[in-house]
Amino acid sequence: MISLTLIIVIFTAIISYNGFNDRAMQSKFLMHPASVNEFGQWYRFITSGFLHGDMMHLGINMFVLWQFGEPLEEYFMAQFGDLTGRIYFVILYFGAIIAGSVPPFIKHKNNQYYSALGASGGVAGILFANIFISPWSWLGLFLVIPMPYIVFGVLYVFYESYMGKKGNTKIAHDAHLAGAAFGYIAVIAFMYIYSPEAVSFYFEKLMAGPQSSPF
């Protein structure tokens, strides 16, 4: 059975590609805080996550979503059951996209010249949910540098915070941080609903440190 992750990747790729060739459509559905504020176009909080600026932007986001989304979706289904697991996965991904749009909306709701697009908030949410579940699993940073998930997560937060304060990068770093925070908190909430003891187990796993070597 095709995964929800792959379905999201396919639909996002198709819609993003159409947006490359139809700028009017892209403009109608990207995140434009002033239009949300003035005309109540709240759908932009979701639709902006299906659009990307170029092929590289799309490719990176969809590769990371596929790489980390499928194992997370499988984990949710195994942990919570097929239906509930898929519902939680959808809530986490799209909730992180919405959360990622909140900081730009607050900061730029009166700025007619600001707009944003991309699934980065949702992807960050998926990534940080994986970090909570498997903090000491090994990640190949840039495909060559072995690094535990939790170490990557800390570096990610520091980098996004620094670049956000620096400014002038044309990237919504605060959106990445908001999506990441939502994903991390959401998976804890799902775990707590399932079993409060499960949350304690994962925090104990975090405090235990790495149990294996990447080599």
N, C-alpha and C. Protein backbone atom coordinates (compact mmCIF):
# COMPACT_ATOMS: atom_id res chain seq x y z
N MET A 1 0.85 -1.20 0.00
CA MET A 1 0.00 0.00 0.00
C MET A 1 0.88 1.25 0.00
N ILE A 2 0.54 2.19 -0.85
CA ILE A 2 1.32 3.42 -0.94
C ILE A 2 1.21 4.22 0.36
N SER A 3 2.31 4.78 0.80
CA SER A 3 2.33 5.51 2.06
C SER A 3 1.75 6.91 1.90
N LEU A 4 1.27 7.47 3.00
CA LEU A 4 0.82 8.86 2.98
C LEU A 4 1.97 9.79 2.64
N THR A 5 3.16 9.45 3.12
CA THR A 5 4.34 10.26 2.83
C THR A 5 4.53 10.39 1.33
N LEU A 6 4.49 9.27 0.63
CA LEU A 6 4.71 9.30 -0.82
C LEU A 6 3.59 10.04 -1.53
N ILE A 7 2.37 9.89 -1.04
CA ILE A 7 1.24 10.63 -1.64
C ILE A 7 1.47 12.14 -1.49
N ILE A 8 1.89 12.57 -0.31
CA ILE A 8 2.16 14.00 -0.08
C ILE A 8 3.29 14.47 -0.98
N VAL A 9 4.35 13.66 -1.10
CA VAL A 9 5.48 14.02 -1.97
C VAL A 9 5.01 14.20 -3.41
N ILE A 10 4.21 13.25 -3.91
CA ILE A 10 3.76 13.31 -5.30
C ILE A 10 2.88 14.53 -5.54
N PHE A 11 1.89 14.74 -4.67
CA PHE A 11 0.99 15.89 -4.84
C PHE A 11 1.75 17.21 -4.72
N THR A 12 2.68 17.28 -3.78
CA THR A 12 3.45 18.51 -3.61
C THR A 12 4.30 18.78 -4.85
N ALA A 13 4.92 17.73 -5.39
CA ALA A 13 5.74 17.89 -6.59
C ALA A 13 4.90 18.37 -7.78
N ILE A 14 3.72 17.78 -7.96
CA ILE A 14 2.85 18.16 -9.08
C ILE A 14 2.39 19.61 -8.95
N ILE A 15 1.91 19.97 -7.75
CA ILE A 15 1.41 21.34 -7.53
C ILE A 15 2.54 22.35 -7.63
N SER A 16 3.70 22.02 -7.07
CA SER A 16 4.83 22.93 -7.15
C SER A 16 5.26 23.14 -8.59
N TYR A 17 5.31 22.05 -9.36
CA TYR A 17 5.71 22.16 -10.77
C TYR A 17 4.73 23.04 -11.54
N ASN A 18 3.43 22.87 -11.28
CA ASN A 18 2.44 23.73 -11.92
C ASN A 18 2.65 25.19 -11.53
N GLY A 19 3.06 25.40 -10.27
CA GLY A 19 3.33 26.76 -9.82
C GLY A 19 4.51 27.39 -10.52
N PHE A 20 5.51 26.57 -10.89
CA PHE A 20 6.66 27.10 -11.63
C PHE A 20 6.22 27.71 -12.96
N ASN A 21 5.19 27.10 -13.54
CA ASN A 21 4.73 27.52 -14.87
C ASN A 21 3.49 28.40 -14.84
N ASP A 22 2.92 28.59 -13.67
CA ASP A 22 1.73 29.42 -13.54
C ASP A 22 1.90 30.32 -12.32
N ARG A 23 2.55 31.44 -12.52
CA ARG A 23 2.87 32.33 -11.42
C ARG A 23 1.63 32.95 -10.80
N ALA A 24 0.55 33.08 -11.57
CA ALA A 24 -0.70 33.62 -11.02
C ALA A 24 -1.27 32.64 -10.00
N MET A 25 -1.23 31.35 -10.33
CA MET A 25 -1.70 30.34 -9.39
C MET A 25 -0.82 30.31 -8.15
N GLN A 26 0.48 30.38 -8.36
CA GLN A 26 1.41 30.38 -7.23
C GLN A 26 1.15 31.56 -6.31
N SER A 27 0.94 32.72 -6.91
CA SER A 27 0.69 33.93 -6.12
C SER A 27 -0.61 33.83 -5.33
N LYS A 28 -1.59 33.12 -5.87
CA LYS A 28 -2.89 33.00 -5.20
C LYS A 28 -2.81 32.13 -3.96
N PHE A 29 -1.88 31.16 -3.95
CA PHE A 29 -1.87 30.16 -2.88
C PHE A 29 -0.65 30.20 -1.97
N LEU A 30 0.37 31.00 -2.30
CA LEU A 30 1.52 31.09 -1.40
C LEU A 30 1.15 31.86 -0.14
N MET A 31 2.06 31.89 0.83
CA MET A 31 1.80 32.59 2.09
C MET A 31 2.04 34.09 1.89
N HIS A 32 0.95 34.84 1.90
CA HIS A 32 1.04 36.30 1.78
C HIS A 32 0.31 36.88 3.00
N PRO A 33 1.04 37.14 4.07
CA PRO A 33 0.41 37.55 5.33
C PRO A 33 -0.56 38.72 5.20
N ALA A 34 -0.23 39.69 4.34
CA ALA A 34 -1.11 40.85 4.19
C ALA A 34 -2.47 40.45 3.65
N SER A 35 -2.51 39.49 2.72
CA SER A 35 -3.79 39.02 2.17
C SER A 35 -4.58 38.24 3.21
N VAL A 36 -3.87 37.48 4.04
CA VAL A 36 -4.55 36.76 5.12
C VAL A 36 -5.16 37.76 6.09
N ASN A 37 -4.39 38.77 6.43
CA ASN A 37 -4.83 39.77 7.40
C ASN A 37 -5.98 40.61 6.87
N GLU A 38 -5.88 41.00 5.60
CA GLU A 38 -6.86 41.93 5.03
C GLU A 38 -8.11 41.22 4.51
N PHE A 39 -7.92 40.05 3.89
CA PHE A 39 -9.04 39.38 3.22
C PHE A 39 -9.44 38.06 3.87
N GLY A 40 -8.76 37.67 4.95
CA GLY A 40 -9.11 36.43 5.63
C GLY A 40 -8.81 35.18 4.84
N GLN A 41 -7.76 35.20 4.03
CA GLN A 41 -7.42 34.04 3.19
C GLN A 41 -6.58 33.05 4.00
N TRP A 42 -7.21 32.44 4.98
CA TRP A 42 -6.50 31.56 5.91
C TRP A 42 -6.01 30.28 5.25
N TYR A 43 -6.59 29.91 4.11
CA TYR A 43 -6.16 28.71 3.42
C TYR A 43 -4.68 28.76 3.05
N ARG A 44 -4.12 29.96 2.96
CA ARG A 44 -2.71 30.10 2.59
C ARG A 44 -1.77 29.44 3.59
N PHE A 45 -2.23 29.30 4.84
CA PHE A 45 -1.40 28.62 5.85
C PHE A 45 -1.11 27.18 5.45
N ILE A 46 -2.03 26.56 4.70
CA ILE A 46 -1.85 25.18 4.24
C ILE A 46 -1.32 25.13 2.81
N THR A 47 -1.94 25.89 1.92
CA THR A 47 -1.60 25.78 0.49
C THR A 47 -0.16 26.19 0.20
N SER A 48 0.40 27.07 1.00
CA SER A 48 1.79 27.50 0.77
C SER A 48 2.75 26.33 0.92
N GLY A 49 2.36 25.30 1.69
CA GLY A 49 3.21 24.14 1.88
C GLY A 49 3.29 23.23 0.67
N PHE A 50 2.42 23.45 -0.32
CA PHE A 50 2.46 22.66 -1.55
C PHE A 50 3.20 23.37 -2.67
N LEU A 51 3.77 24.53 -2.39
CA LEU A 51 4.45 25.33 -3.41
C LEU A 51 5.91 25.52 -3.05
N HIS A 52 6.76 25.65 -4.09
CA HIS A 52 8.19 25.86 -3.87
C HIS A 52 8.72 26.85 -4.91
N GLY A 53 9.86 27.44 -4.56
CA GLY A 53 10.41 28.49 -5.41
C GLY A 53 11.08 27.98 -6.66
N ASP A 54 11.74 26.82 -6.58
CA ASP A 54 12.43 26.25 -7.73
C ASP A 54 12.63 24.76 -7.50
N MET A 55 13.24 24.09 -8.48
CA MET A 55 13.40 22.65 -8.41
C MET A 55 14.30 22.21 -7.26
N MET A 56 15.34 22.99 -6.97
CA MET A 56 16.24 22.62 -5.87
C MET A 56 15.51 22.69 -4.54
N HIS A 57 14.74 23.77 -4.33
CA HIS A 57 13.94 23.93 -3.12
C HIS A 57 12.98 22.76 -2.96
N LEU A 58 12.30 22.41 -4.04
CA LEU A 58 11.35 21.30 -4.03
C LEU A 58 12.07 19.98 -3.77
N GLY A 59 13.17 19.75 -4.51
CA GLY A 59 13.88 18.48 -4.41
C GLY A 59 14.41 18.21 -3.02
N ILE A 60 15.02 19.20 -2.40
CA ILE A 60 15.58 19.01 -1.06
C ILE A 60 14.48 18.71 -0.06
N ASN A 61 13.40 19.51 -0.09
CA ASN A 61 12.31 19.30 0.86
C ASN A 61 11.66 17.93 0.69
N MET A 62 11.43 17.53 -0.55
CA MET A 62 10.75 16.26 -0.78
C MET A 62 11.65 15.06 -0.47
N PHE A 63 12.95 15.20 -0.71
CA PHE A 63 13.87 14.11 -0.37
C PHE A 63 13.91 13.90 1.14
N VAL A 64 14.02 15.00 1.89
CA VAL A 64 14.07 14.89 3.36
C VAL A 64 12.73 14.38 3.89
N LEU A 65 11.63 14.85 3.31
CA LEU A 65 10.31 14.37 3.73
C LEU A 65 10.18 12.88 3.50
N TRP A 66 10.59 12.41 2.34
CA TRP A 66 10.52 10.99 2.03
C TRP A 66 11.44 10.19 2.94
N GLN A 67 12.67 10.68 3.15
CA GLN A 67 13.65 9.95 3.94
C GLN A 67 13.22 9.77 5.39
N PHE A 68 12.64 10.82 5.98
CA PHE A 68 12.28 10.77 7.39
C PHE A 68 10.78 10.55 7.63
N GLY A 69 9.96 10.87 6.62
CA GLY A 69 8.52 10.73 6.78
C GLY A 69 8.07 9.29 6.76
N GLU A 70 8.62 8.48 5.85
CA GLU A 70 8.17 7.09 5.75
C GLU A 70 8.45 6.29 7.03
N PRO A 71 9.67 6.36 7.60
CA PRO A 71 9.87 5.63 8.85
C PRO A 71 9.03 6.15 10.01
N LEU A 72 8.79 7.47 10.03
CA LEU A 72 7.94 8.02 11.09
C LEU A 72 6.50 7.53 10.93
N GLU A 73 6.01 7.54 9.70
CA GLU A 73 4.66 7.06 9.44
C GLU A 73 4.52 5.59 9.83
N GLU A 74 5.51 4.76 9.48
CA GLU A 74 5.48 3.35 9.84
C GLU A 74 5.52 3.18 11.36
N TYR A 75 6.33 4.01 12.02
CA TYR A 75 6.40 3.94 13.48
C TYR A 75 5.06 4.28 14.11
N PHE A 76 4.43 5.35 13.64
CA PHE A 76 3.12 5.76 14.17
C PHE A 76 2.09 4.65 13.99
N MET A 77 2.09 4.01 12.82
CA MET A 77 1.12 2.95 12.55
C MET A 77 1.36 1.75 13.47
N ALA A 78 2.64 1.44 13.70
CA ALA A 78 2.96 0.32 14.59
C ALA A 78 2.61 0.64 16.04
N GLN A 79 2.81 1.89 16.42
CA GLN A 79 2.62 2.30 17.81
C GLN A 79 1.15 2.55 18.15
N PHE A 80 0.43 3.22 17.24
CA PHE A 80 -0.93 3.68 17.53
C PHE A 80 -2.02 2.96 16.75
N GLY A 81 -1.65 2.11 15.82
CA GLY A 81 -2.62 1.47 14.93
C GLY A 81 -2.63 2.17 13.58
N ASP A 82 -3.06 1.45 12.55
CA ASP A 82 -2.98 1.98 11.19
C ASP A 82 -3.71 3.31 11.02
N LEU A 83 -4.99 3.34 11.41
CA LEU A 83 -5.80 4.54 11.20
C LEU A 83 -5.32 5.70 12.08
N THR A 84 -5.20 5.46 13.37
CA THR A 84 -4.78 6.53 14.29
C THR A 84 -3.38 7.00 13.95
N GLY A 85 -2.51 6.06 13.59
CA GLY A 85 -1.15 6.44 13.23
C GLY A 85 -1.10 7.37 12.03
N ARG A 86 -1.92 7.07 11.02
CA ARG A 86 -1.96 7.93 9.82
C ARG A 86 -2.56 9.30 10.17
N ILE A 87 -3.59 9.30 11.01
CA ILE A 87 -4.20 10.57 11.42
C ILE A 87 -3.18 11.43 12.16
N TYR A 88 -2.44 10.82 13.08
CA TYR A 88 -1.40 11.56 13.81
C TYR A 88 -0.33 12.10 12.86
N PHE A 89 0.04 11.29 11.87
CA PHE A 89 1.05 11.72 10.91
C PHE A 89 0.59 12.96 10.14
N VAL A 90 -0.65 12.94 9.69
CA VAL A 90 -1.22 14.07 8.95
C VAL A 90 -1.30 15.30 9.85
N ILE A 91 -1.74 15.12 11.09
CA ILE A 91 -1.83 16.24 12.03
C ILE A 91 -0.46 16.85 12.25
N LEU A 92 0.55 15.98 12.44
CA LEU A 92 1.90 16.49 12.70
C LEU A 92 2.44 17.26 11.50
N TYR A 93 2.34 16.68 10.31
CA TYR A 93 2.94 17.32 9.13
C TYR A 93 2.26 18.65 8.80
N PHE A 94 0.94 18.62 8.66
CA PHE A 94 0.25 19.86 8.28
C PHE A 94 0.17 20.84 9.45
N GLY A 95 0.15 20.33 10.67
CA GLY A 95 0.22 21.22 11.82
C GLY A 95 1.53 21.98 11.86
N ALA A 96 2.63 21.29 11.49
CA ALA A 96 3.93 21.94 11.46
C ALA A 96 4.01 22.97 10.33
N ILE A 97 3.36 22.70 9.21
CA ILE A 97 3.30 23.69 8.12
C ILE A 97 2.56 24.94 8.60
N ILE A 98 1.43 24.75 9.27
CA ILE A 98 0.67 25.89 9.80
C ILE A 98 1.50 26.64 10.83
N ALA A 99 2.12 25.89 11.75
CA ALA A 99 2.95 26.52 12.79
C ALA A 99 4.08 27.33 12.17
N GLY A 100 4.66 26.78 11.08
CA GLY A 100 5.74 27.48 10.41
C GLY A 100 5.31 28.78 9.76
N SER A 101 4.03 28.91 9.46
CA SER A 101 3.53 30.14 8.83
C SER A 101 3.13 31.20 9.85
N VAL A 102 3.03 30.81 11.12
CA VAL A 102 2.59 31.76 12.14
C VAL A 102 3.58 32.90 12.36
N PRO A 103 4.89 32.64 12.56
CA PRO A 103 5.83 33.75 12.77
C PRO A 103 5.87 34.75 11.61
N PRO A 104 5.95 34.28 10.33
CA PRO A 104 5.90 35.26 9.23
C PRO A 104 4.61 36.06 9.20
N PHE A 105 3.49 35.40 9.54
CA PHE A 105 2.22 36.13 9.55
C PHE A 105 2.24 37.24 10.60
N ILE A 106 2.70 36.91 11.80
CA ILE A 106 2.74 37.91 12.87
C ILE A 106 3.67 39.07 12.51
N LYS A 107 4.81 38.74 11.94
CA LYS A 107 5.83 39.77 11.63
C LYS A 107 5.48 40.61 10.41
N HIS A 108 4.77 40.01 9.44
CA HIS A 108 4.60 40.68 8.14
C HIS A 108 3.15 40.87 7.72
N LYS A 109 2.21 40.83 8.66
CA LYS A 109 0.80 40.89 8.27
C LYS A 109 0.41 42.23 7.66
N ASN A 110 1.22 43.25 7.84
CA ASN A 110 0.94 44.55 7.23
C ASN A 110 1.93 44.90 6.12
N ASN A 111 2.70 43.90 5.70
CA ASN A 111 3.72 44.11 4.67
C ASN A 111 3.25 43.51 3.35
N GLN A 112 2.83 44.36 2.43
CA GLN A 112 2.32 43.90 1.14
C GLN A 112 3.39 43.24 0.28
N TYR A 113 4.65 43.46 0.60
CA TYR A 113 5.75 42.99 -0.26
C TYR A 113 6.35 41.67 0.21
N TYR A 114 5.84 41.14 1.32
CA TYR A 114 6.40 39.89 1.84
C TYR A 114 5.53 38.71 1.43
N SER A 115 6.18 37.63 0.99
CA SER A 115 5.49 36.38 0.72
C SER A 115 6.46 35.23 0.99
N ALA A 116 5.91 34.05 1.20
CA ALA A 116 6.74 32.88 1.48
C ALA A 116 6.04 31.64 0.95
N LEU A 117 6.82 30.60 0.69
CA LEU A 117 6.26 29.35 0.21
C LEU A 117 7.21 28.22 0.53
N GLY A 118 6.69 27.00 0.55
CA GLY A 118 7.54 25.84 0.81
C GLY A 118 7.03 24.99 1.95
N ALA A 119 7.45 23.72 1.93
CA ALA A 119 7.04 22.75 2.94
C ALA A 119 8.05 22.62 4.07
N SER A 120 8.98 23.57 4.17
CA SER A 120 10.08 23.44 5.12
C SER A 120 9.61 23.32 6.56
N GLY A 121 8.55 24.03 6.95
CA GLY A 121 8.04 23.92 8.30
C GLY A 121 7.55 22.52 8.60
N GLY A 122 6.82 21.92 7.66
CA GLY A 122 6.34 20.56 7.83
C GLY A 122 7.48 19.55 7.85
N VAL A 123 8.45 19.74 6.98
CA VAL A 123 9.61 18.84 6.93
C VAL A 123 10.39 18.92 8.23
N ALA A 124 10.56 20.13 8.76
CA ALA A 124 11.26 20.29 10.04
C ALA A 124 10.49 19.59 11.16
N GLY A 125 9.17 19.65 11.11
CA GLY A 125 8.37 18.96 12.11
C GLY A 125 8.56 17.45 12.05
N ILE A 126 8.59 16.89 10.85
CA ILE A 126 8.83 15.46 10.68
C ILE A 126 10.22 15.08 11.20
N LEU A 127 11.20 15.90 10.84
CA LEU A 127 12.57 15.63 11.27
C LEU A 127 12.70 15.63 12.78
N PHE A 128 12.11 16.61 13.45
CA PHE A 128 12.25 16.72 14.89
C PHE A 128 11.40 15.70 15.64
N ALA A 129 10.34 15.21 15.03
CA ALA A 129 9.61 14.09 15.62
C ALA A 129 10.50 12.85 15.64
N ASN A 130 11.26 12.64 14.57
CA ASN A 130 12.21 11.54 14.52
C ASN A 130 13.30 11.71 15.57
N ILE A 131 13.73 12.94 15.78
CA ILE A 131 14.77 13.20 16.78
C ILE A 131 14.29 12.82 18.16
N PHE A 132 13.03 13.09 18.48
CA PHE A 132 12.50 12.70 19.78
C PHE A 132 12.46 11.19 19.93
N ILE A 133 11.99 10.50 18.89
CA ILE A 133 11.81 9.06 18.96
C ILE A 133 13.15 8.32 18.99
N SER A 134 14.10 8.78 18.18
CA SER A 134 15.40 8.08 18.08
C SER A 134 16.54 9.08 18.21
N PRO A 135 16.72 9.67 19.39
CA PRO A 135 17.70 10.75 19.53
C PRO A 135 19.13 10.35 19.23
N TRP A 136 19.46 9.09 19.42
CA TRP A 136 20.85 8.67 19.24
C TRP A 136 21.07 7.83 17.99
N SER A 137 20.07 7.79 17.11
CA SER A 137 20.30 7.17 15.81
C SER A 137 21.28 8.04 15.04
N TRP A 138 21.98 7.41 14.11
CA TRP A 138 23.04 8.14 13.40
C TRP A 138 22.55 8.67 12.06
N LEU A 139 22.91 9.91 11.82
CA LEU A 139 22.56 10.61 10.59
C LEU A 139 23.85 10.90 9.83
N GLY A 140 23.83 10.67 8.52
CA GLY A 140 25.00 11.01 7.70
C GLY A 140 24.86 12.44 7.19
N LEU A 141 25.38 13.41 7.95
CA LEU A 141 25.28 14.81 7.53
C LEU A 141 26.08 15.02 6.25
N PHE A 142 25.44 15.64 5.25
CA PHE A 142 26.04 15.81 3.92
C PHE A 142 26.45 14.45 3.34
N LEU A 143 25.78 13.39 3.83
CA LEU A 143 25.97 12.01 3.38
C LEU A 143 27.31 11.41 3.80
N VAL A 144 28.14 12.14 4.55
CA VAL A 144 29.47 11.63 4.91
C VAL A 144 29.81 11.79 6.38
N ILE A 145 29.28 12.80 7.08
CA ILE A 145 29.66 13.08 8.46
C ILE A 145 28.67 12.41 9.40
N PRO A 146 29.10 11.36 10.13
CA PRO A 146 28.17 10.69 11.06
C PRO A 146 27.87 11.58 12.26
N MET A 147 26.59 11.66 12.61
CA MET A 147 26.17 12.55 13.69
C MET A 147 24.86 12.04 14.28
N PRO A 148 24.75 11.93 15.61
CA PRO A 148 23.47 11.53 16.21
C PRO A 148 22.37 12.55 15.89
N TYR A 149 21.15 12.05 15.77
CA TYR A 149 20.02 12.92 15.46
C TYR A 149 19.95 14.12 16.41
N ILE A 150 20.12 13.84 17.71
CA ILE A 150 19.94 14.91 18.69
C ILE A 150 21.01 15.99 18.53
N VAL A 151 22.22 15.61 18.18
CA VAL A 151 23.28 16.59 17.95
C VAL A 151 22.95 17.43 16.73
N PHE A 152 22.48 16.77 15.67
CA PHE A 152 22.05 17.51 14.49
C PHE A 152 20.93 18.48 14.84
N GLY A 153 19.98 18.04 15.67
CA GLY A 153 18.87 18.90 16.06
C GLY A 153 19.33 20.15 16.78
N VAL A 154 20.28 19.99 17.71
CA VAL A 154 20.81 21.14 18.44
C VAL A 154 21.52 22.11 17.48
N LEU A 155 22.34 21.56 16.59
CA LEU A 155 23.04 22.41 15.61
C LEU A 155 22.05 23.11 14.69
N TYR A 156 20.99 22.41 14.32
CA TYR A 156 19.96 22.98 13.46
C TYR A 156 19.31 24.18 14.13
N VAL A 157 18.97 24.03 15.41
CA VAL A 157 18.33 25.13 16.14
C VAL A 157 19.27 26.32 16.25
N PHE A 158 20.52 26.07 16.57
CA PHE A 158 21.49 27.17 16.68
C PHE A 158 21.68 27.87 15.34
N TYR A 159 21.79 27.08 14.27
CA TYR A 159 22.00 27.67 12.93
C TYR A 159 20.80 28.51 12.51
N GLU A 160 19.60 27.95 12.63
CA GLU A 160 18.41 28.67 12.22
C GLU A 160 18.21 29.93 13.07
N SER A 161 18.51 29.85 14.36
CA SER A 161 18.38 31.02 15.23
C SER A 161 19.37 32.10 14.83
N TYR A 162 20.60 31.69 14.57
CA TYR A 162 21.64 32.66 14.18
C TYR A 162 21.30 33.32 12.85
N MET A 163 20.92 32.51 11.86
CA MET A 163 20.62 33.06 10.54
C MET A 163 19.36 33.92 10.58
N GLY A 164 18.41 33.56 11.43
CA GLY A 164 17.21 34.37 11.56
C GLY A 164 17.51 35.74 12.12
N LYS A 165 18.41 35.80 13.11
CA LYS A 165 18.80 37.09 13.69
C LYS A 165 19.66 37.89 12.71
N LYS A 166 20.47 37.19 11.94
CA LYS A 166 21.33 37.87 10.97
C LYS A 166 20.50 38.55 9.89
N GLY A 167 19.47 37.86 9.40
CA GLY A 167 18.56 38.44 8.41
C GLY A 167 19.13 38.50 7.01
N ASN A 168 18.31 38.99 6.08
CA ASN A 168 18.70 39.19 4.69
C ASN A 168 19.13 37.89 4.00
N THR A 169 18.51 36.77 4.36
CA THR A 169 18.86 35.50 3.73
C THR A 169 17.78 35.03 2.74
N LYS A 170 16.64 35.70 2.73
CA LYS A 170 15.50 35.32 1.90
C LYS A 170 14.94 33.95 2.29
N ILE A 171 15.24 33.51 3.51
CA ILE A 171 14.73 32.25 4.03
C ILE A 171 14.04 32.52 5.35
N ALA A 172 12.86 31.93 5.54
CA ALA A 172 12.09 32.15 6.77
C ALA A 172 12.59 31.20 7.86
N HIS A 173 13.71 31.54 8.47
CA HIS A 173 14.30 30.68 9.48
C HIS A 173 13.39 30.49 10.68
N ASP A 174 12.64 31.52 11.03
CA ASP A 174 11.71 31.38 12.16
C ASP A 174 10.61 30.38 11.84
N ALA A 175 10.25 30.25 10.57
CA ALA A 175 9.26 29.26 10.17
C ALA A 175 9.80 27.85 10.36
N HIS A 176 11.08 27.64 10.06
CA HIS A 176 11.71 26.34 10.26
C HIS A 176 11.69 25.98 11.74
N LEU A 177 12.05 26.95 12.58
CA LEU A 177 12.09 26.70 14.02
C LEU A 177 10.70 26.41 14.58
N ALA A 178 9.70 27.14 14.11
CA ALA A 178 8.33 26.92 14.59
C ALA A 178 7.83 25.54 14.18
N GLY A 179 8.11 25.14 12.94
CA GLY A 179 7.71 23.81 12.49
C GLY A 179 8.40 22.71 13.27
N ALA A 180 9.70 22.90 13.52
CA ALA A 180 10.47 21.92 14.29
C ALA A 180 9.91 21.78 15.70
N ALA A 181 9.62 22.90 16.34
CA ALA A 181 9.08 22.89 17.69
C ALA A 181 7.73 22.18 17.73
N PHE A 182 6.89 22.46 16.73
CA PHE A 182 5.57 21.81 16.69
C PHE A 182 5.73 20.30 16.57
N GLY A 183 6.62 19.85 15.67
CA GLY A 183 6.80 18.42 15.48
C GLY A 183 7.28 17.73 16.74
N TYR A 184 8.21 18.35 17.45
CA TYR A 184 8.76 17.75 18.67
C TYR A 184 7.70 17.68 19.76
N ILE A 185 6.94 18.77 19.91
CA ILE A 185 5.91 18.80 20.95
C ILE A 185 4.75 17.87 20.60
N ALA A 186 4.38 17.84 19.31
CA ALA A 186 3.24 17.01 18.89
C ALA A 186 3.50 15.54 19.16
N VAL A 187 4.70 15.06 18.84
CA VAL A 187 4.97 13.63 19.05
C VAL A 187 4.96 13.30 20.54
N ILE A 188 5.40 14.22 21.38
CA ILE A 188 5.31 14.01 22.83
C ILE A 188 3.84 13.93 23.26
N ALA A 189 3.01 14.81 22.70
CA ALA A 189 1.58 14.79 23.03
C ALA A 189 0.92 13.48 22.59
N PHE A 190 1.26 13.02 21.38
CA PHE A 190 0.69 11.75 20.91
C PHE A 190 1.10 10.60 21.83
N MET A 191 2.37 10.60 22.22
CA MET A 191 2.88 9.57 23.12
C MET A 191 2.14 9.62 24.46
N TYR A 192 1.94 10.82 24.97
CA TYR A 192 1.29 10.97 26.27
C TYR A 192 -0.15 10.46 26.22
N ILE A 193 -0.85 10.74 25.12
CA ILE A 193 -2.22 10.24 24.96
C ILE A 193 -2.21 8.71 24.95
N TYR A 194 -1.22 8.14 24.26
CA TYR A 194 -1.11 6.69 24.18
C TYR A 194 -0.74 6.08 25.52
N SER A 195 0.27 6.65 26.17
CA SER A 195 0.72 6.14 27.46
C SER A 195 1.71 7.13 28.07
N PRO A 196 1.38 7.74 29.21
CA PRO A 196 2.31 8.67 29.86
C PRO A 196 3.68 8.03 30.13
N GLU A 197 3.68 6.71 30.39
CA GLU A 197 4.93 6.02 30.65
C GLU A 197 5.83 6.00 29.42
N ALA A 198 5.22 6.02 28.23
CA ALA A 198 6.00 5.99 27.00
C ALA A 198 6.85 7.25 26.86
N VAL A 199 6.30 8.39 27.30
CA VAL A 199 7.05 9.64 27.24
C VAL A 199 8.28 9.54 28.13
N SER A 200 8.11 9.01 29.34
CA SER A 200 9.23 8.83 30.25
C SER A 200 10.29 7.92 29.65
N PHE A 201 9.85 6.88 28.96
CA PHE A 201 10.78 5.94 28.32
C PHE A 201 11.67 6.65 27.32
N TYR A 202 11.07 7.54 26.50
CA TYR A 202 11.87 8.21 25.48
C TYR A 202 12.79 9.27 26.07
N PHE A 203 12.38 9.91 27.12
CA PHE A 203 13.28 10.85 27.78
C PHE A 203 14.44 10.11 28.47
N GLU A 204 14.15 8.94 29.01
CA GLU A 204 15.20 8.11 29.59
C GLU A 204 16.19 7.66 28.51
N LYS A 205 15.67 7.34 27.33
CA LYS A 205 16.53 6.95 26.22
C LYS A 205 17.42 8.13 25.80
N LEU A 206 16.88 9.33 25.83
CA LEU A 206 17.67 10.51 25.51
C LEU A 206 18.80 10.69 26.51
N MET A 207 18.49 10.57 27.79
CA MET A 207 19.48 10.78 28.84
C MET A 207 20.52 9.67 28.89
N ALA A 208 20.19 8.50 28.36
CA ALA A 208 21.11 7.36 28.40
C ALA A 208 22.31 7.55 27.48
N GLY A 209 22.17 8.40 26.48
CA GLY A 209 23.27 8.64 25.56
C GLY A 209 23.35 7.59 24.48
N PRO A 210 24.33 7.71 23.59
CA PRO A 210 24.44 6.78 22.44
C PRO A 210 24.74 5.37 22.90
N GLN A 211 24.08 4.41 22.26
CA GLN A 211 24.27 3.01 22.61
C GLN A 211 25.03 2.25 21.53
N SER A 212 25.36 2.94 20.45
CA SER A 212 26.05 2.27 19.35
C SER A 212 26.97 3.25 18.64
N SER A 213 27.81 2.72 17.81
CA SER A 213 28.76 3.53 17.02
C SER A 213 28.34 3.54 15.58
N PRO A 214 28.63 4.62 14.84
CA PRO A 214 28.28 4.65 13.40
C PRO A 214 29.20 3.77 12.58
N PHE A 215 30.26 3.29 13.18
CA PHE A 215 31.27 2.53 12.42
C PHE A 215 31.15 1.03 12.69
